[in-house]
Amino acid sequence: MIKKHILYIGLNDKDTKQQEITTVDAYKIIQRAVLGVGYDGATITEATGIYKHDDGEIVIEKSLEVSILFATDDKTTQLVNEIKHLLNQESIAVQKQNITSDLM
């Protein structure tokens, strides 16, 4: 069994509530961060996120989904903290899965 982590990263700035970094630049920032923490790679997919604030406001934002095979909790925690800082995010959702996978 190996671990797969999927990060769901909204692109709206936590302070301005608007997208301040272009989607292309966010891709580049995340690519550098993934490699910087020691992962060999990841798959990044553009998505649309939707959620509700505590005050009931509905938010729809561009998001990036980052899938990492052969993941470790320590590296992913480091990666999430780095991305939160670089993209000024309050939180990043992380899904963890135990899977069977081979490179063939």
PDB file of N, CA and C in Angstrom:
ATOM      1  N   MET A   1       0.836  -1.191   0.000  1.00  0.00           N
ATOM      2  CA  MET A   1       0.000   0.000   0.000  1.00  0.00           C
ATOM      3  C   MET A   1       0.877   1.249   0.000  1.00  0.00           C
ATOM      4  N   ILE A   2       0.476   2.198  -0.775  1.00  0.00           N
ATOM      5  CA  ILE A   2       1.145   3.499  -0.773  1.00  0.00           C
ATOM      6  C   ILE A   2       0.100   4.568  -0.461  1.00  0.00           C
ATOM      7  N   LYS A   3       0.584   5.749  -0.142  1.00  0.00           N
ATOM      8  CA  LYS A   3      -0.333   6.850   0.146  1.00  0.00           C
ATOM      9  C   LYS A   3      -0.449   7.789  -1.049  1.00  0.00           C
ATOM     10  N   LYS A   4      -1.658   8.263  -1.247  1.00  0.00           N
ATOM     11  CA  LYS A   4      -1.934   9.302  -2.227  1.00  0.00           C
ATOM     12  C   LYS A   4      -2.587  10.446  -1.463  1.00  0.00           C
ATOM     13  N   HIS A   5      -2.073  11.642  -1.652  1.00  0.00           N
ATOM     14  CA  HIS A   5      -2.677  12.825  -1.057  1.00  0.00           C
ATOM     15  C   HIS A   5      -3.205  13.715  -2.170  1.00  0.00           C
ATOM     16  N   ILE A   6      -4.400  14.236  -1.968  1.00  0.00           N
ATOM     17  CA  ILE A   6      -4.992  15.171  -2.912  1.00  0.00           C
ATOM     18  C   ILE A   6      -5.252  16.476  -2.158  1.00  0.00           C
ATOM     19  N   LEU A   7      -4.673  17.554  -2.676  1.00  0.00           N
ATOM     20  CA  LEU A   7      -4.840  18.874  -2.081  1.00  0.00           C
ATOM     21  C   LEU A   7      -5.848  19.657  -2.910  1.00  0.00           C
ATOM     22  N   TYR A   8      -6.778  20.302  -2.240  1.00  0.00           N
ATOM     23  CA  TYR A   8      -7.769  21.153  -2.897  1.00  0.00           C
ATOM     24  C   TYR A   8      -7.461  22.589  -2.480  1.00  0.00           C
ATOM     25  N   ILE A   9      -6.985  23.382  -3.435  1.00  0.00           N
ATOM     26  CA  ILE A   9      -6.464  24.714  -3.139  1.00  0.00           C
ATOM     27  C   ILE A   9      -7.296  25.770  -3.856  1.00  0.00           C
ATOM     28  N   GLY A  10      -8.038  26.546  -3.098  1.00  0.00           N
ATOM     29  CA  GLY A  10      -8.770  27.679  -3.659  1.00  0.00           C
ATOM     30  C   GLY A  10      -7.793  28.795  -3.986  1.00  0.00           C
ATOM     31  N   LEU A  11      -8.104  29.586  -4.977  1.00  0.00           N
ATOM     32  CA  LEU A  11      -7.183  30.639  -5.408  1.00  0.00           C
ATOM     33  C   LEU A  11      -7.580  32.038  -4.961  1.00  0.00           C
ATOM     34  N   ASN A  12      -8.701  32.176  -4.255  1.00  0.00           N
ATOM     35  CA  ASN A  12      -9.048  33.491  -3.718  1.00  0.00           C
ATOM     36  C   ASN A  12      -8.166  33.792  -2.515  1.00  0.00           C
ATOM     37  N   ASP A  13      -7.642  34.993  -2.460  1.00  0.00           N
ATOM     38  CA  ASP A  13      -6.830  35.461  -1.343  1.00  0.00           C
ATOM     39  C   ASP A  13      -7.679  35.493  -0.073  1.00  0.00           C
ATOM     40  N   LYS A  14      -7.105  35.059   1.061  1.00  0.00           N
ATOM     41  CA  LYS A  14      -7.889  34.992   2.298  1.00  0.00           C
ATOM     42  C   LYS A  14      -8.274  36.365   2.830  1.00  0.00           C
ATOM     43  N   ASP A  15      -7.522  37.395   2.486  1.00  0.00           N
ATOM     44  CA  ASP A  15      -7.810  38.734   2.996  1.00  0.00           C
ATOM     45  C   ASP A  15      -8.732  39.532   2.078  1.00  0.00           C
ATOM     46  N   THR A  16      -8.459  39.502   0.772  1.00  0.00           N
ATOM     47  CA  THR A  16      -9.248  40.308  -0.163  1.00  0.00           C
ATOM     48  C   THR A  16     -10.471  39.566  -0.695  1.00  0.00           C
ATOM     49  N   LYS A  17     -10.486  38.250  -0.520  1.00  0.00           N
ATOM     50  CA  LYS A  17     -11.579  37.389  -1.014  1.00  0.00           C
ATOM     51  C   LYS A  17     -11.691  37.395  -2.534  1.00  0.00           C
ATOM     52  N   GLN A  18     -10.621  37.839  -3.220  1.00  0.00           N
ATOM     53  CA  GLN A  18     -10.557  37.860  -4.683  1.00  0.00           C
ATOM     54  C   GLN A  18      -9.318  37.093  -5.122  1.00  0.00           C
ATOM     55  N   GLN A  19      -9.307  36.648  -6.367  1.00  0.00           N
ATOM     56  CA  GLN A  19      -8.120  35.979  -6.892  1.00  0.00           C
ATOM     57  C   GLN A  19      -7.083  37.044  -7.219  1.00  0.00           C
ATOM     58  N   GLU A  20      -5.973  37.044  -6.482  1.00  0.00           N
ATOM     59  CA  GLU A  20      -4.907  38.035  -6.652  1.00  0.00           C
ATOM     60  C   GLU A  20      -3.748  37.492  -7.494  1.00  0.00           C
ATOM     61  N   ILE A  21      -3.582  36.188  -7.537  1.00  0.00           N
ATOM     62  CA  ILE A  21      -2.518  35.529  -8.298  1.00  0.00           C
ATOM     63  C   ILE A  21      -3.180  34.791  -9.456  1.00  0.00           C
ATOM     64  N   THR A  22      -2.691  35.000 -10.668  1.00  0.00           N
ATOM     65  CA  THR A  22      -3.311  34.333 -11.816  1.00  0.00           C
ATOM     66  C   THR A  22      -3.225  32.819 -11.660  1.00  0.00           C
ATOM     67  N   THR A  23      -4.106  32.136 -12.338  1.00  0.00           N
ATOM     68  CA  THR A  23      -4.124  30.676 -12.273  1.00  0.00           C
ATOM     69  C   THR A  23      -2.809  30.099 -12.782  1.00  0.00           C
ATOM     70  N   VAL A  24      -2.279  30.648 -13.857  1.00  0.00           N
ATOM     71  CA  VAL A  24      -1.004  30.172 -14.417  1.00  0.00           C
ATOM     72  C   VAL A  24       0.125  30.373 -13.408  1.00  0.00           C
ATOM     73  N   ASP A  25       0.170  31.539 -12.770  1.00  0.00           N
ATOM     74  CA  ASP A  25       1.211  31.781 -11.766  1.00  0.00           C
ATOM     75  C   ASP A  25       1.039  30.864 -10.562  1.00  0.00           C
ATOM     76  N   ALA A  26      -0.206  30.587 -10.172  1.00  0.00           N
ATOM     77  CA  ALA A  26      -0.451  29.661  -9.058  1.00  0.00           C
ATOM     78  C   ALA A  26       0.064  28.264  -9.403  1.00  0.00           C
ATOM     79  N   TYR A  27      -0.174  27.814 -10.647  1.00  0.00           N
ATOM     80  CA  TYR A  27       0.378  26.531 -11.106  1.00  0.00           C
ATOM     81  C   TYR A  27       1.894  26.511 -10.890  1.00  0.00           C
ATOM     82  N   LYS A  28       2.563  27.558 -11.343  1.00  0.00           N
ATOM     83  CA  LYS A  28       4.030  27.616 -11.252  1.00  0.00           C
ATOM     84  C   LYS A  28       4.500  27.619  -9.803  1.00  0.00           C
ATOM     85  N   ILE A  29       3.818  28.377  -8.956  1.00  0.00           N
ATOM     86  CA  ILE A  29       4.170  28.423  -7.537  1.00  0.00           C
ATOM     87  C   ILE A  29       4.020  27.047  -6.910  1.00  0.00           C
ATOM     88  N   ILE A  30       2.930  26.360  -7.209  1.00  0.00           N
ATOM     89  CA  ILE A  30       2.688  25.030  -6.641  1.00  0.00           C
ATOM     90  C   ILE A  30       3.692  24.021  -7.184  1.00  0.00           C
ATOM     91  N   GLN A  31       4.002  24.094  -8.475  1.00  0.00           N
ATOM     92  CA  GLN A  31       5.001  23.182  -9.053  1.00  0.00           C
ATOM     93  C   GLN A  31       6.332  23.315  -8.316  1.00  0.00           C
ATOM     94  N   ARG A  32       6.787  24.547  -8.110  1.00  0.00           N
ATOM     95  CA  ARG A  32       8.054  24.770  -7.398  1.00  0.00           C
ATOM     96  C   ARG A  32       7.977  24.273  -5.956  1.00  0.00           C
ATOM     97  N   ALA A  33       6.842  24.489  -5.313  1.00  0.00           N
ATOM     98  CA  ALA A  33       6.682  24.056  -3.923  1.00  0.00           C
ATOM     99  C   ALA A  33       6.700  22.535  -3.814  1.00  0.00           C
ATOM    100  N   VAL A  34       6.015  21.849  -4.733  1.00  0.00           N
ATOM    101  CA  VAL A  34       5.993  20.376  -4.730  1.00  0.00           C
ATOM    102  C   VAL A  34       7.414  19.826  -4.830  1.00  0.00           C
ATOM    103  N   LEU A  35       8.172  20.339  -5.784  1.00  0.00           N
ATOM    104  CA  LEU A  35       9.541  19.862  -5.968  1.00  0.00           C
ATOM    105  C   LEU A  35      10.438  20.324  -4.830  1.00  0.00           C
ATOM    106  N   GLY A  36      10.157  21.488  -4.272  1.00  0.00           N
ATOM    107  CA  GLY A  36      10.967  22.038  -3.195  1.00  0.00           C
ATOM    108  C   GLY A  36      10.907  21.248  -1.909  1.00  0.00           C
ATOM    109  N   VAL A  37       9.786  20.581  -1.630  1.00  0.00           N
ATOM    110  CA  VAL A  37       9.689  19.772  -0.409  1.00  0.00           C
ATOM    111  C   VAL A  37      10.231  18.360  -0.609  1.00  0.00           C
ATOM    112  N   GLY A  38      10.612  18.048  -1.850  1.00  0.00           N
ATOM    113  CA  GLY A  38      11.227  16.751  -2.104  1.00  0.00           C
ATOM    114  C   GLY A  38      10.370  15.729  -2.816  1.00  0.00           C
ATOM    115  N   TYR A  39       9.169  16.111  -3.225  1.00  0.00           N
ATOM    116  CA  TYR A  39       8.385  15.187  -4.038  1.00  0.00           C
ATOM    117  C   TYR A  39       8.947  15.182  -5.447  1.00  0.00           C
ATOM    118  N   ASP A  40       8.834  14.031  -6.116  1.00  0.00           N
ATOM    119  CA  ASP A  40       9.331  13.905  -7.483  1.00  0.00           C
ATOM    120  C   ASP A  40       8.358  14.473  -8.512  1.00  0.00           C
ATOM    121  N   GLY A  41       7.103  14.676  -8.118  1.00  0.00           N
ATOM    122  CA  GLY A  41       6.130  15.226  -9.041  1.00  0.00           C
ATOM    123  C   GLY A  41       4.727  15.159  -8.486  1.00  0.00           C
ATOM    124  N   ALA A  42       3.784  15.664  -9.268  1.00  0.00           N
ATOM    125  CA  ALA A  42       2.373  15.682  -8.901  1.00  0.00           C
ATOM    126  C   ALA A  42       1.562  15.930 -10.160  1.00  0.00           C
ATOM    127  N   THR A  43       0.275  15.749 -10.068  1.00  0.00           N
ATOM    128  CA  THR A  43      -0.636  16.092 -11.147  1.00  0.00           C
ATOM    129  C   THR A  43      -1.493  17.246 -10.660  1.00  0.00           C
ATOM    130  N   ILE A  44      -1.533  18.326 -11.435  1.00  0.00           N
ATOM    131  CA  ILE A  44      -2.297  19.508 -11.057  1.00  0.00           C
ATOM    132  C   ILE A  44      -3.420  19.709 -12.068  1.00  0.00           C
ATOM    133  N   THR A  45      -4.633  19.820 -11.550  1.00  0.00           N
ATOM    134  CA  THR A  45      -5.814  19.969 -12.384  1.00  0.00           C
ATOM    135  C   THR A  45      -6.573  21.220 -11.961  1.00  0.00           C
ATOM    136  N   GLU A  46      -7.045  21.982 -12.934  1.00  0.00           N
ATOM    137  CA  GLU A  46      -7.855  23.156 -12.630  1.00  0.00           C
ATOM    138  C   GLU A  46      -9.290  22.725 -12.340  1.00  0.00           C
ATOM    139  N   ALA A  47      -9.894  23.362 -11.354  1.00  0.00           N
ATOM    140  CA  ALA A  47     -11.262  23.016 -10.951  1.00  0.00           C
ATOM    141  C   ALA A  47     -11.994  24.290 -10.524  1.00  0.00           C
ATOM    142  N   THR A  48     -13.261  24.132 -10.211  1.00  0.00           N
ATOM    143  CA  THR A  48     -14.049  25.217  -9.633  1.00  0.00           C
ATOM    144  C   THR A  48     -14.501  24.765  -8.257  1.00  0.00           C
ATOM    145  N   GLY A  49     -14.176  25.561  -7.249  1.00  0.00           N
ATOM    146  CA  GLY A  49     -14.582  25.245  -5.893  1.00  0.00           C
ATOM    147  C   GLY A  49     -15.797  26.053  -5.495  1.00  0.00           C
ATOM    148  N   ILE A  50     -16.596  25.477  -4.600  1.00  0.00           N
ATOM    149  CA  ILE A  50     -17.759  26.177  -4.071  1.00  0.00           C
ATOM    150  C   ILE A  50     -17.852  25.838  -2.590  1.00  0.00           C
ATOM    151  N   TYR A  51     -18.115  26.858  -1.779  1.00  0.00           N
ATOM    152  CA  TYR A  51     -18.284  26.634  -0.346  1.00  0.00           C
ATOM    153  C   TYR A  51     -19.092  27.770   0.262  1.00  0.00           C
ATOM    154  N   LYS A  52     -19.528  27.548   1.506  1.00  0.00           N
ATOM    155  CA  LYS A  52     -20.324  28.537   2.205  1.00  0.00           C
ATOM    156  C   LYS A  52     -19.555  29.039   3.417  1.00  0.00           C
ATOM    157  N   HIS A  53     -19.441  30.375   3.528  1.00  0.00           N
ATOM    158  CA  HIS A  53     -18.838  30.987   4.716  1.00  0.00           C
ATOM    159  C   HIS A  53     -19.771  30.809   5.915  1.00  0.00           C
ATOM    160  N   ASP A  54     -19.223  31.014   7.109  1.00  0.00           N
ATOM    161  CA  ASP A  54     -20.022  30.938   8.331  1.00  0.00           C
ATOM    162  C   ASP A  54     -21.195  31.918   8.303  1.00  0.00           C
ATOM    163  N   ASP A  55     -21.035  33.049   7.603  1.00  0.00           N
ATOM    164  CA  ASP A  55     -22.107  34.048   7.539  1.00  0.00           C
ATOM    165  C   ASP A  55     -23.147  33.719   6.463  1.00  0.00           C
ATOM    166  N   GLY A  56     -22.986  32.568   5.781  1.00  0.00           N
ATOM    167  CA  GLY A  56     -23.956  32.131   4.787  1.00  0.00           C
ATOM    168  C   GLY A  56     -23.622  32.519   3.359  1.00  0.00           C
ATOM    169  N   GLU A  57     -22.593  33.353   3.168  1.00  0.00           N
ATOM    170  CA  GLU A  57     -22.212  33.771   1.812  1.00  0.00           C
ATOM    171  C   GLU A  57     -21.681  32.568   1.027  1.00  0.00           C
ATOM    172  N   ILE A  58     -22.183  32.400  -0.188  1.00  0.00           N
ATOM    173  CA  ILE A  58     -21.727  31.334  -1.078  1.00  0.00           C
ATOM    174  C   ILE A  58     -20.570  31.870  -1.909  1.00  0.00           C
ATOM    175  N   VAL A  59     -19.477  31.117  -1.968  1.00  0.00           N
ATOM    176  CA  VAL A  59     -18.291  31.519  -2.720  1.00  0.00           C
ATOM    177  C   VAL A  59     -18.026  30.488  -3.810  1.00  0.00           C
ATOM    178  N   ILE A  60     -17.796  30.974  -5.016  1.00  0.00           N
ATOM    179  CA  ILE A  60     -17.373  30.128  -6.129  1.00  0.00           C
ATOM    180  C   ILE A  60     -16.028  30.673  -6.575  1.00  0.00           C
ATOM    181  N   GLU A  61     -15.017  29.808  -6.631  1.00  0.00           N
ATOM    182  CA  GLU A  61     -13.676  30.285  -6.968  1.00  0.00           C
ATOM    183  C   GLU A  61     -12.921  29.263  -7.799  1.00  0.00           C
ATOM    184  N   LYS A  62     -11.981  29.773  -8.593  1.00  0.00           N
ATOM    185  CA  LYS A  62     -11.066  28.883  -9.290  1.00  0.00           C
ATOM    186  C   LYS A  62     -10.234  28.167  -8.235  1.00  0.00           C
ATOM    187  N   SER A  63      -9.985  26.901  -8.475  1.00  0.00           N
ATOM    188  CA  SER A  63      -9.220  26.087  -7.537  1.00  0.00           C
ATOM    189  C   SER A  63      -8.274  25.190  -8.320  1.00  0.00           C
ATOM    190  N   LEU A  64      -7.268  24.697  -7.632  1.00  0.00           N
ATOM    191  CA  LEU A  64      -6.372  23.703  -8.213  1.00  0.00           C
ATOM    192  C   LEU A  64      -6.402  22.458  -7.348  1.00  0.00           C
ATOM    193  N   GLU A  65      -6.461  21.317  -8.008  1.00  0.00           N
ATOM    194  CA  GLU A  65      -6.427  20.019  -7.336  1.00  0.00           C
ATOM    195  C   GLU A  65      -5.052  19.421  -7.610  1.00  0.00           C
ATOM    196  N   VAL A  66      -4.337  19.089  -6.548  1.00  0.00           N
ATOM    197  CA  VAL A  66      -2.975  18.569  -6.668  1.00  0.00           C
ATOM    198  C   VAL A  66      -2.952  17.141  -6.121  1.00  0.00           C
ATOM    199  N   SER A  67      -2.676  16.171  -6.996  1.00  0.00           N
ATOM    200  CA  SER A  67      -2.610  14.758  -6.607  1.00  0.00           C
ATOM    201  C   SER A  67      -1.155  14.326  -6.518  1.00  0.00           C
ATOM    202  N   ILE A  68      -0.802  13.715  -5.393  1.00  0.00           N
ATOM    203  CA  ILE A  68       0.572  13.286  -5.162  1.00  0.00           C
ATOM    204  C   ILE A  68       0.571  11.808  -4.795  1.00  0.00           C
ATOM    205  N   LEU A  69       1.225  11.001  -5.622  1.00  0.00           N
ATOM    206  CA  LEU A  69       1.420   9.587  -5.298  1.00  0.00           C
ATOM    207  C   LEU A  69       2.690   9.427  -4.479  1.00  0.00           C
ATOM    208  N   PHE A  70       2.781   8.341  -3.737  1.00  0.00           N
ATOM    209  CA  PHE A  70       3.951   8.046  -2.905  1.00  0.00           C
ATOM    210  C   PHE A  70       4.169   9.171  -1.895  1.00  0.00           C
ATOM    211  N   ALA A  71       3.068   9.645  -1.317  1.00  0.00           N
ATOM    212  CA  ALA A  71       3.089  10.794  -0.420  1.00  0.00           C
ATOM    213  C   ALA A  71       3.416  10.381   1.011  1.00  0.00           C
ATOM    214  N   THR A  72       3.970  11.326   1.753  1.00  0.00           N
ATOM    215  CA  THR A  72       4.174  11.145   3.198  1.00  0.00           C
ATOM    216  C   THR A  72       3.482  12.294   3.917  1.00  0.00           C
ATOM    217  N   ASP A  73       3.025  12.029   5.132  1.00  0.00           N
ATOM    218  CA  ASP A  73       2.331  13.060   5.898  1.00  0.00           C
ATOM    219  C   ASP A  73       3.245  14.250   6.172  1.00  0.00           C
ATOM    220  N   ASP A  74       4.516  13.988   6.517  1.00  0.00           N
ATOM    221  CA  ASP A  74       5.438  15.076   6.856  1.00  0.00           C
ATOM    222  C   ASP A  74       5.671  16.011   5.665  1.00  0.00           C
ATOM    223  N   LYS A  75       5.949  15.438   4.504  1.00  0.00           N
ATOM    224  CA  LYS A  75       6.191  16.279   3.318  1.00  0.00           C
ATOM    225  C   LYS A  75       4.934  17.038   2.916  1.00  0.00           C
ATOM    226  N   THR A  76       3.786  16.376   3.033  1.00  0.00           N
ATOM    227  CA  THR A  76       2.541  17.043   2.646  1.00  0.00           C
ATOM    228  C   THR A  76       2.222  18.183   3.607  1.00  0.00           C
ATOM    229  N   THR A  77       2.447  17.993   4.891  1.00  0.00           N
ATOM    230  CA  THR A  77       2.234  19.079   5.855  1.00  0.00           C
ATOM    231  C   THR A  77       3.141  20.254   5.537  1.00  0.00           C
ATOM    232  N   GLN A  78       4.398  19.975   5.228  1.00  0.00           N
ATOM    233  CA  GLN A  78       5.346  21.021   4.845  1.00  0.00           C
ATOM    234  C   GLN A  78       4.872  21.727   3.578  1.00  0.00           C
ATOM    235  N   LEU A  79       4.421  20.956   2.592  1.00  0.00           N
ATOM    236  CA  LEU A  79       3.937  21.513   1.328  1.00  0.00           C
ATOM    237  C   LEU A  79       2.714  22.406   1.548  1.00  0.00           C
ATOM    238  N   VAL A  80       1.764  21.931   2.324  1.00  0.00           N
ATOM    239  CA  VAL A  80       0.547  22.707   2.587  1.00  0.00           C
ATOM    240  C   VAL A  80       0.896  24.028   3.266  1.00  0.00           C
ATOM    241  N   ASN A  81       1.767  23.987   4.251  1.00  0.00           N
ATOM    242  CA  ASN A  81       2.153  25.222   4.943  1.00  0.00           C
ATOM    243  C   ASN A  81       2.827  26.206   3.990  1.00  0.00           C
ATOM    244  N   GLU A  82       3.660  25.694   3.099  1.00  0.00           N
ATOM    245  CA  GLU A  82       4.343  26.543   2.125  1.00  0.00           C
ATOM    246  C   GLU A  82       3.349  27.177   1.149  1.00  0.00           C
ATOM    247  N   ILE A  83       2.428  26.373   0.632  1.00  0.00           N
ATOM    248  CA  ILE A  83       1.439  26.886  -0.324  1.00  0.00           C
ATOM    249  C   ILE A  83       0.508  27.890   0.351  1.00  0.00           C
ATOM    250  N   LYS A  84       0.091  27.597   1.583  1.00  0.00           N
ATOM    251  CA  LYS A  84      -0.760  28.550   2.307  1.00  0.00           C
ATOM    252  C   LYS A  84      -0.071  29.906   2.416  1.00  0.00           C
ATOM    253  N   HIS A  85       1.206  29.891   2.717  1.00  0.00           N
ATOM    254  CA  HIS A  85       1.966  31.137   2.829  1.00  0.00           C
ATOM    255  C   HIS A  85       2.086  31.838   1.471  1.00  0.00           C
ATOM    256  N   LEU A  86       2.496  31.092   0.453  1.00  0.00           N
ATOM    257  CA  LEU A  86       2.755  31.680  -0.861  1.00  0.00           C
ATOM    258  C   LEU A  86       1.497  32.223  -1.546  1.00  0.00           C
ATOM    259  N   LEU A  87       0.367  31.553  -1.349  1.00  0.00           N
ATOM    260  CA  LEU A  87      -0.879  31.959  -2.003  1.00  0.00           C
ATOM    261  C   LEU A  87      -1.822  32.699  -1.050  1.00  0.00           C
ATOM    262  N   ASN A  88      -1.371  32.971   0.172  1.00  0.00           N
ATOM    263  CA  ASN A  88      -2.159  33.650   1.201  1.00  0.00           C
ATOM    264  C   ASN A  88      -3.519  32.977   1.397  1.00  0.00           C
ATOM    265  N   GLN A  89      -3.451  31.685   1.772  1.00  0.00           N
ATOM    266  CA  GLN A  89      -4.647  30.892   1.985  1.00  0.00           C
ATOM    267  C   GLN A  89      -4.862  30.636   3.477  1.00  0.00           C
ATOM    268  N   GLU A  90      -6.113  30.598   3.867  1.00  0.00           N
ATOM    269  CA  GLU A  90      -6.450  30.282   5.256  1.00  0.00           C
ATOM    270  C   GLU A  90      -6.320  28.786   5.509  1.00  0.00           C
ATOM    271  N   SER A  91      -6.767  27.989   4.559  1.00  0.00           N
ATOM    272  CA  SER A  91      -6.712  26.535   4.714  1.00  0.00           C
ATOM    273  C   SER A  91      -6.674  25.869   3.349  1.00  0.00           C
ATOM    274  N   ILE A  92      -6.223  24.628   3.361  1.00  0.00           N
ATOM    275  CA  ILE A  92      -6.197  23.781   2.174  1.00  0.00           C
ATOM    276  C   ILE A  92      -6.756  22.433   2.597  1.00  0.00           C
ATOM    277  N   ALA A  93      -7.738  21.936   1.860  1.00  0.00           N
ATOM    278  CA  ALA A  93      -8.290  20.615   2.166  1.00  0.00           C
ATOM    279  C   ALA A  93      -7.327  19.548   1.658  1.00  0.00           C
ATOM    280  N   VAL A  94      -7.077  18.530   2.481  1.00  0.00           N
ATOM    281  CA  VAL A  94      -6.175  17.441   2.110  1.00  0.00           C
ATOM    282  C   VAL A  94      -6.916  16.121   2.297  1.00  0.00           C
ATOM    283  N   GLN A  95      -7.017  15.376   1.210  1.00  0.00           N
ATOM    284  CA  GLN A  95      -7.609  14.044   1.251  1.00  0.00           C
ATOM    285  C   GLN A  95      -6.471  13.033   1.208  1.00  0.00           C
ATOM    286  N   LYS A  96      -6.515  12.039   2.111  1.00  0.00           N
ATOM    287  CA  LYS A  96      -5.464  11.018   2.170  1.00  0.00           C
ATOM    288  C   LYS A  96      -6.078   9.660   1.862  1.00  0.00           C
ATOM    289  N   GLN A  97      -5.400   8.934   0.977  1.00  0.00           N
ATOM    290  CA  GLN A  97      -5.898   7.614   0.577  1.00  0.00           C
ATOM    291  C   GLN A  97      -4.763   6.600   0.628  1.00  0.00           C
ATOM    292  N   ASN A  98      -5.067   5.385   1.069  1.00  0.00           N
ATOM    293  CA  ASN A  98      -4.149   4.267   0.916  1.00  0.00           C
ATOM    294  C   ASN A  98      -4.556   3.547  -0.359  1.00  0.00           C
ATOM    295  N   ILE A  99      -3.617   3.408  -1.287  1.00  0.00           N
ATOM    296  CA  ILE A  99      -3.931   2.824  -2.581  1.00  0.00           C
ATOM    297  C   ILE A  99      -2.874   1.808  -2.974  1.00  0.00           C
ATOM    298  N   THR A 100      -3.196   1.048  -3.986  1.00  0.00           N
ATOM    299  CA  THR A 100      -2.224   0.180  -4.623  1.00  0.00           C
ATOM    300  C   THR A 100      -1.896   0.823  -5.959  1.00  0.00           C
ATOM    301  N   SER A 101      -0.602   1.014  -6.219  1.00  0.00           N
ATOM    302  CA  SER A 101      -0.189   1.662  -7.455  1.00  0.00           C
ATOM    303  C   SER A 101       1.205   1.198  -7.830  1.00  0.00           C
ATOM    304  N   ASP A 102       1.459   1.072  -9.112  1.00  0.00           N
ATOM    305  CA  ASP A 102       2.758   0.675  -9.600  1.00  0.00           C
ATOM    306  C   ASP A 102       3.159   1.616 -10.742  1.00  0.00           C
ATOM    307  N   LEU A 103       4.429   1.850 -10.867  1.00  0.00           N
ATOM    308  CA  LEU A 103       4.964   2.519 -12.057  1.00  0.00           C
ATOM    309  C   LEU A 103       5.359   1.417 -13.021  1.00  0.00           C
ATOM    310  N   MET A 104       4.813   1.438 -14.223  1.00  0.00           N
ATOM    311  CA  MET A 104       5.060   0.357 -15.165  1.00  0.00           C
ATOM    312  C   MET A 104       5.627   0.874 -16.452  1.00  0.00           C
TER     313      MET A 104
END
